[in-house]
Amino acid sequence: MYSIEERVFLVLEYHRLQESPTATRRSFQTRFNVLKGPDAKTIRTLFAKFQRTGSVTDDLVGNVGRKQTAVTPQNVSPQFLELFSKIQCHPSVELHLRLV
């Protein structure tokens, strides 16, 4: 995964070097002092995405793991709220749930 700075550099350099992925990779290796730069497909894909969307950010960030939802009055059932309001002790004890 490349940083935003590296992605911007790749897009600008690819355009400056007349869409040559090999020259872009060499320039990247020199600029960021790495032994192996991105392959030609990565460079072309990133440039195509920039042309299509105008952005170099990663679309997949945040798409890992379970979807998170917030507990709001709109998504909590009225029956649960009514039951919860009647409970005198800890909810897990009242509902016979074991805390893990």
C-alpha atoms as a PDB file:
ATOM      1  CA  MET A   1       0.000   0.000   0.000  1.00  0.00           C
ATOM      2  CA  TYR A   2       1.362   3.370  -0.983  1.00  0.00           C
ATOM      3  CA  SER A   3       0.998   6.642   0.913  1.00  0.00           C
ATOM      4  CA  ILE A   4      -0.892   9.587  -0.557  1.00  0.00           C
ATOM      5  CA  GLU A   5       2.421  11.349  -1.246  1.00  0.00           C
ATOM      6  CA  GLU A   6       3.700   8.318  -3.169  1.00  0.00           C
ATOM      7  CA  ARG A   7       0.460   8.000  -5.141  1.00  0.00           C
ATOM      8  CA  VAL A   8       0.484  11.669  -6.124  1.00  0.00           C
ATOM      9  CA  PHE A   9       4.119  11.349  -7.167  1.00  0.00           C
ATOM     10  CA  LEU A  10       3.317   8.305  -9.320  1.00  0.00           C
ATOM     11  CA  VAL A  11       0.430  10.033 -11.111  1.00  0.00           C
ATOM     12  CA  LEU A  12       2.372  13.242 -11.765  1.00  0.00           C
ATOM     13  CA  GLU A  13       5.528  11.423 -12.807  1.00  0.00           C
ATOM     14  CA  TYR A  14       3.661   9.020 -15.094  1.00  0.00           C
ATOM     15  CA  HIS A  15       2.088  11.995 -16.864  1.00  0.00           C
ATOM     16  CA  ARG A  16       5.378  13.935 -16.989  1.00  0.00           C
ATOM     17  CA  LEU A  17       7.253  10.958 -18.439  1.00  0.00           C
ATOM     18  CA  GLN A  18       4.718  10.553 -21.252  1.00  0.00           C
ATOM     19  CA  GLU A  19       3.001   7.547 -19.672  1.00  0.00           C
ATOM     20  CA  SER A  20       6.075   5.338 -19.392  1.00  0.00           C
ATOM     21  CA  PRO A  21       5.632   2.925 -16.455  1.00  0.00           C
ATOM     22  CA  THR A  22       9.279   1.807 -16.536  1.00  0.00           C
ATOM     23  CA  ALA A  23      10.628   5.350 -16.323  1.00  0.00           C
ATOM     24  CA  THR A  24       8.044   6.156 -13.642  1.00  0.00           C
ATOM     25  CA  ARG A  25       9.132   3.158 -11.554  1.00  0.00           C
ATOM     26  CA  ARG A  26      12.815   4.127 -11.834  1.00  0.00           C
ATOM     27  CA  SER A  27      12.041   7.696 -10.844  1.00  0.00           C
ATOM     28  CA  PHE A  28       9.976   6.414  -7.895  1.00  0.00           C
ATOM     29  CA  GLN A  29      12.825   4.160  -6.741  1.00  0.00           C
ATOM     30  CA  THR A  30      15.241   7.090  -6.826  1.00  0.00           C
ATOM     31  CA  ARG A  31      12.895   9.565  -5.138  1.00  0.00           C
ATOM     32  CA  PHE A  32      11.797   7.266  -2.295  1.00  0.00           C
ATOM     33  CA  ASN A  33      15.061   5.299  -2.022  1.00  0.00           C
ATOM     34  CA  VAL A  34      13.490   1.849  -2.402  1.00  0.00           C
ATOM     35  CA  LEU A  35      14.829  -1.206  -4.208  1.00  0.00           C
ATOM     36  CA  LYS A  36      11.568  -2.226  -5.835  1.00  0.00           C
ATOM     37  CA  GLY A  37       8.918   0.192  -7.042  1.00  0.00           C
ATOM     38  CA  PRO A  38       5.353  -0.466  -8.158  1.00  0.00           C
ATOM     39  CA  ASP A  39       4.810  -2.632 -11.225  1.00  0.00           C
ATOM     40  CA  ALA A  40       3.480  -1.276 -14.525  1.00  0.00           C
ATOM     41  CA  LYS A  41      -0.062  -2.507 -13.883  1.00  0.00           C
ATOM     42  CA  THR A  42      -0.220  -0.691 -10.541  1.00  0.00           C
ATOM     43  CA  ILE A  43       0.978   2.555 -12.101  1.00  0.00           C
ATOM     44  CA  ARG A  44      -1.464   2.337 -15.022  1.00  0.00           C
ATOM     45  CA  THR A  45      -4.364   1.421 -12.735  1.00  0.00           C
ATOM     46  CA  LEU A  46      -3.636   4.316 -10.374  1.00  0.00           C
ATOM     47  CA  PHE A  47      -3.384   6.761 -13.288  1.00  0.00           C
ATOM     48  CA  ALA A  48      -6.644   5.466 -14.805  1.00  0.00           C
ATOM     49  CA  LYS A  49      -8.372   5.856 -11.441  1.00  0.00           C
ATOM     50  CA  PHE A  50      -7.085   9.415 -11.169  1.00  0.00           C
ATOM     51  CA  GLN A  51      -8.395  10.228 -14.645  1.00  0.00           C
ATOM     52  CA  ARG A  52     -11.764   8.655 -13.821  1.00  0.00           C
ATOM     53  CA  THR A  53     -12.301  10.067 -10.310  1.00  0.00           C
ATOM     54  CA  GLY A  54      -9.788  12.871  -9.853  1.00  0.00           C
ATOM     55  CA  SER A  55      -8.573  11.183  -6.669  1.00  0.00           C
ATOM     56  CA  VAL A  56      -5.700   8.926  -5.624  1.00  0.00           C
ATOM     57  CA  THR A  57      -7.136   7.871  -2.270  1.00  0.00           C
ATOM     58  CA  ASP A  58      -7.648   4.208  -1.480  1.00  0.00           C
ATOM     59  CA  ASP A  59     -11.264   3.100  -1.939  1.00  0.00           C
ATOM     60  CA  LEU A  60     -10.818   0.042   0.263  1.00  0.00           C
ATOM     61  CA  VAL A  61      -9.789   1.789   3.469  1.00  0.00           C
ATOM     62  CA  GLY A  62     -12.401   1.075   6.116  1.00  0.00           C
ATOM     63  CA  ASN A  63     -13.920  -1.898   4.292  1.00  0.00           C
ATOM     64  CA  VAL A  64     -12.283  -4.483   6.527  1.00  0.00           C
ATOM     65  CA  GLY A  65     -14.134  -6.262   9.297  1.00  0.00           C
ATOM     66  CA  ARG A  66     -17.718  -6.126  10.423  1.00  0.00           C
ATOM     67  CA  LYS A  67     -19.899  -3.192   9.543  1.00  0.00           C
ATOM     68  CA  GLN A  68     -20.231  -0.916  12.546  1.00  0.00           C
ATOM     69  CA  THR A  69     -23.576   0.552  13.510  1.00  0.00           C
ATOM     70  CA  ALA A  70     -24.463   3.009  16.219  1.00  0.00           C
ATOM     71  CA  VAL A  71     -27.169   2.371  18.768  1.00  0.00           C
ATOM     72  CA  THR A  72     -29.779   5.087  18.361  1.00  0.00           C
ATOM     73  CA  PRO A  73     -33.391   5.347  19.501  1.00  0.00           C
ATOM     74  CA  GLN A  74     -34.447   4.756  15.895  1.00  0.00           C
ATOM     75  CA  ASN A  75     -32.775   1.345  15.592  1.00  0.00           C
ATOM     76  CA  VAL A  76     -33.600  -0.010  19.078  1.00  0.00           C
ATOM     77  CA  SER A  77     -36.921  -1.813  19.303  1.00  0.00           C
ATOM     78  CA  PRO A  78     -39.590  -0.254  21.549  1.00  0.00           C
ATOM     79  CA  GLN A  79     -40.062  -3.616  23.321  1.00  0.00           C
ATOM     80  CA  PHE A  80     -36.415  -3.655  24.380  1.00  0.00           C
ATOM     81  CA  LEU A  81     -36.600  -0.073  25.656  1.00  0.00           C
ATOM     82  CA  GLU A  82     -39.736  -0.908  27.657  1.00  0.00           C
ATOM     83  CA  LEU A  83     -38.100  -4.027  29.145  1.00  0.00           C
ATOM     84  CA  PHE A  84     -34.891  -2.141  29.930  1.00  0.00           C
ATOM     85  CA  SER A  85     -36.774   0.628  31.742  1.00  0.00           C
ATOM     86  CA  LYS A  86     -38.387  -1.971  34.092  1.00  0.00           C
ATOM     87  CA  ILE A  87     -35.115  -3.655  35.102  1.00  0.00           C
ATOM     88  CA  GLN A  88     -34.035  -2.940  38.679  1.00  0.00           C
ATOM     89  CA  CYS A  89     -30.630  -4.663  38.679  1.00  0.00           C
ATOM     90  CA  HIS A  90     -27.901  -5.138  36.075  1.00  0.00           C
ATOM     91  CA  PRO A  91     -29.466  -6.113  32.710  1.00  0.00           C
ATOM     92  CA  SER A  92     -27.342  -9.256  32.355  1.00  0.00           C
ATOM     93  CA  VAL A  93     -28.564 -10.595  35.703  1.00  0.00           C
ATOM     94  CA  GLU A  94     -32.195  -9.763  34.954  1.00  0.00           C
ATOM     95  CA  LEU A  95     -32.019 -11.415  31.529  1.00  0.00           C
ATOM     96  CA  HIS A  96     -30.002 -14.386  32.870  1.00  0.00           C
ATOM     97  CA  LEU A  97     -27.052 -13.623  30.585  1.00  0.00           C
ATOM     98  CA  ARG A  98     -23.531 -14.633  31.434  1.00  0.00           C
ATOM     99  CA  LEU A  99     -20.882 -11.929  31.102  1.00  0.00           C
ATOM    100  CA  VAL A 100     -17.843 -13.095  29.188  1.00  0.00           C
END
